[in-house]
């Protein structure tokens, strides 16, 4: 059996990997915000969110984690939309000031 410290070290290593992936994902969210701003797109795309959730939940290997994984994905979506909204609002303010 692993010690608590060993398990926590594994969690720390996973968190470091997740941080890198988070930054990569946020770079994509930034690009999405720029695209939506330029093309007057809506921040919320229900169809896209439903497809993303369904696809990822189906691919989850351990179905016992389904509820928590869905919650995790929903939090990512909330954060992504908030970032897009903030970025677009700042861009609009900047553009009006020119």
C-alpha atoms as a PDB file:
ATOM      1  CA  UNK A   1       0.000   0.000   0.000  1.00  0.00           C
ATOM      2  CA  UNK A   2       1.254   3.483  -0.854  1.00  0.00           C
ATOM      3  CA  UNK A   3       1.808   6.020   1.858  1.00  0.00           C
ATOM      4  CA  UNK A   4      -0.312   9.152   2.021  1.00  0.00           C
ATOM      5  CA  UNK A   5       2.719  11.212   1.005  1.00  0.00           C
ATOM      6  CA  UNK A   6       3.265   9.041  -2.079  1.00  0.00           C
ATOM      7  CA  UNK A   7      -0.368   9.417  -3.089  1.00  0.00           C
ATOM      8  CA  UNK A   8      -0.206  13.183  -2.571  1.00  0.00           C
ATOM      9  CA  UNK A   9       2.960  13.344  -4.659  1.00  0.00           C
ATOM     10  CA  UNK A  10       1.089  11.593  -7.472  1.00  0.00           C
ATOM     11  CA  UNK A  11      -1.742  14.111  -7.137  1.00  0.00           C
ATOM     12  CA  UNK A  12       0.765  16.977  -7.277  1.00  0.00           C
ATOM     13  CA  UNK A  13       2.277  15.555 -10.469  1.00  0.00           C
ATOM     14  CA  UNK A  14      -1.171  15.194 -12.029  1.00  0.00           C
ATOM     15  CA  UNK A  15      -2.033  18.763 -10.987  1.00  0.00           C
ATOM     16  CA  UNK A  16       1.105  19.981 -12.777  1.00  0.00           C
ATOM     17  CA  UNK A  17       0.025  18.167 -15.948  1.00  0.00           C
ATOM     18  CA  UNK A  18      -3.483  19.593 -15.613  1.00  0.00           C
ATOM     19  CA  UNK A  19      -2.072  23.109 -15.252  1.00  0.00           C
ATOM     20  CA  UNK A  20      -0.268  22.778 -18.596  1.00  0.00           C
ATOM     21  CA  UNK A  21      -3.417  21.438 -20.251  1.00  0.00           C
ATOM     22  CA  UNK A  22      -5.500  24.182 -18.639  1.00  0.00           C
ATOM     23  CA  UNK A  23      -3.248  26.855 -20.114  1.00  0.00           C
ATOM     24  CA  UNK A  24      -3.444  25.203 -23.537  1.00  0.00           C
ATOM     25  CA  UNK A  25      -7.223  25.057 -23.252  1.00  0.00           C
ATOM     26  CA  UNK A  26      -7.410  28.700 -22.200  1.00  0.00           C
ATOM     27  CA  UNK A  27      -5.285  29.669 -25.212  1.00  0.00           C
ATOM     28  CA  UNK A  28      -7.970  28.009 -27.337  1.00  0.00           C
ATOM     29  CA  UNK A  29     -10.722  29.774 -25.370  1.00  0.00           C
ATOM     30  CA  UNK A  30      -8.930  33.058 -26.075  1.00  0.00           C
ATOM     31  CA  UNK A  31      -8.972  32.240 -29.801  1.00  0.00           C
ATOM     32  CA  UNK A  32     -12.673  31.354 -29.573  1.00  0.00           C
ATOM     33  CA  UNK A  33     -13.396  34.698 -27.871  1.00  0.00           C
ATOM     34  CA  UNK A  34     -11.519  36.555 -30.599  1.00  0.00           C
ATOM     35  CA  UNK A  35     -13.414  34.656 -33.302  1.00  0.00           C
ATOM     36  CA  UNK A  36     -16.779  35.280 -31.659  1.00  0.00           C
ATOM     37  CA  UNK A  37     -15.957  38.965 -31.209  1.00  0.00           C
ATOM     38  CA  UNK A  38     -14.945  39.363 -34.860  1.00  0.00           C
ATOM     39  CA  UNK A  39     -17.944  37.414 -36.131  1.00  0.00           C
ATOM     40  CA  UNK A  40     -20.506  38.661 -33.592  1.00  0.00           C
ATOM     41  CA  UNK A  41     -21.036  35.126 -32.303  1.00  0.00           C
ATOM     42  CA  UNK A  42     -22.874  34.129 -29.148  1.00  0.00           C
ATOM     43  CA  UNK A  43     -20.833  33.093 -26.151  1.00  0.00           C
ATOM     44  CA  UNK A  44     -23.291  30.331 -25.231  1.00  0.00           C
ATOM     45  CA  UNK A  45     -23.667  27.455 -27.696  1.00  0.00           C
ATOM     46  CA  UNK A  46     -25.970  24.908 -26.104  1.00  0.00           C
ATOM     47  CA  UNK A  47     -25.576  22.368 -28.888  1.00  0.00           C
ATOM     48  CA  UNK A  48     -21.772  22.466 -28.634  1.00  0.00           C
ATOM     49  CA  UNK A  49     -21.870  22.100 -24.855  1.00  0.00           C
ATOM     50  CA  UNK A  50     -24.264  19.151 -24.990  1.00  0.00           C
ATOM     51  CA  UNK A  51     -22.127  17.375 -27.597  1.00  0.00           C
ATOM     52  CA  UNK A  52     -18.927  17.997 -25.623  1.00  0.00           C
ATOM     53  CA  UNK A  53     -20.432  16.713 -22.389  1.00  0.00           C
ATOM     54  CA  UNK A  54     -21.941  13.636 -24.026  1.00  0.00           C
ATOM     55  CA  UNK A  55     -18.748  12.750 -25.913  1.00  0.00           C
ATOM     56  CA  UNK A  56     -16.541  13.085 -22.851  1.00  0.00           C
ATOM     57  CA  UNK A  57     -18.885  11.219 -20.524  1.00  0.00           C
ATOM     58  CA  UNK A  58     -19.109   8.335 -22.991  1.00  0.00           C
ATOM     59  CA  UNK A  59     -15.307   8.160 -23.178  1.00  0.00           C
ATOM     60  CA  UNK A  60     -14.899   8.103 -19.396  1.00  0.00           C
ATOM     61  CA  UNK A  61     -13.421   4.720 -18.489  1.00  0.00           C
ATOM     62  CA  UNK A  62     -14.528   4.584 -14.856  1.00  0.00           C
ATOM     63  CA  UNK A  63     -18.256   5.280 -14.971  1.00  0.00           C
ATOM     64  CA  UNK A  64     -18.298   5.558 -11.157  1.00  0.00           C
ATOM     65  CA  UNK A  65     -16.730   8.988 -11.658  1.00  0.00           C
ATOM     66  CA  UNK A  66     -19.438  10.117 -14.097  1.00  0.00           C
ATOM     67  CA  UNK A  67     -21.267  12.525 -11.803  1.00  0.00           C
ATOM     68  CA  UNK A  68     -18.077  14.231 -10.652  1.00  0.00           C
ATOM     69  CA  UNK A  69     -16.621  14.331 -14.154  1.00  0.00           C
ATOM     70  CA  UNK A  70     -19.776  15.972 -15.463  1.00  0.00           C
ATOM     71  CA  UNK A  71     -19.572  18.526 -12.645  1.00  0.00           C
ATOM     72  CA  UNK A  72     -15.901  19.127 -13.498  1.00  0.00           C
ATOM     73  CA  UNK A  73     -16.714  19.662 -17.187  1.00  0.00           C
ATOM     74  CA  UNK A  74     -19.580  22.005 -16.346  1.00  0.00           C
ATOM     75  CA  UNK A  75     -17.258  24.105 -14.183  1.00  0.00           C
ATOM     76  CA  UNK A  76     -14.831  24.309 -17.086  1.00  0.00           C
ATOM     77  CA  UNK A  77     -17.663  25.491 -19.340  1.00  0.00           C
ATOM     78  CA  UNK A  78     -18.763  28.123 -16.816  1.00  0.00           C
ATOM     79  CA  UNK A  79     -15.196  29.386 -16.485  1.00  0.00           C
ATOM     80  CA  UNK A  80     -14.669  29.403 -20.256  1.00  0.00           C
ATOM     81  CA  UNK A  81     -17.834  31.400 -20.906  1.00  0.00           C
ATOM     82  CA  UNK A  82     -16.977  33.864 -18.142  1.00  0.00           C
ATOM     83  CA  UNK A  83     -13.522  34.397 -19.631  1.00  0.00           C
ATOM     84  CA  UNK A  84     -14.982  34.938 -23.103  1.00  0.00           C
ATOM     85  CA  UNK A  85     -17.557  37.380 -21.769  1.00  0.00           C
ATOM     86  CA  UNK A  86     -14.946  39.378 -19.843  1.00  0.00           C
ATOM     87  CA  UNK A  87     -12.541  39.440 -22.783  1.00  0.00           C
ATOM     88  CA  UNK A  88     -15.227  40.568 -25.239  1.00  0.00           C
ATOM     89  CA  UNK A  89     -16.458  43.274 -22.863  1.00  0.00           C
ATOM     90  CA  UNK A  90     -12.925  44.612 -22.408  1.00  0.00           C
ATOM     91  CA  UNK A  91     -12.380  44.526 -26.163  1.00  0.00           C
ATOM     92  CA  UNK A  92     -15.613  46.461 -26.761  1.00  0.00           C
ATOM     93  CA  UNK A  93     -14.625  49.100 -24.206  1.00  0.00           C
ATOM     94  CA  UNK A  94     -11.186  49.424 -25.793  1.00  0.00           C
ATOM     95  CA  UNK A  95     -12.682  49.718 -29.275  1.00  0.00           C
ATOM     96  CA  UNK A  96     -15.152  52.397 -28.151  1.00  0.00           C
ATOM     97  CA  UNK A  97     -12.302  54.381 -26.629  1.00  0.00           C
ATOM     98  CA  UNK A  98     -10.428  54.637 -29.935  1.00  0.00           C
END
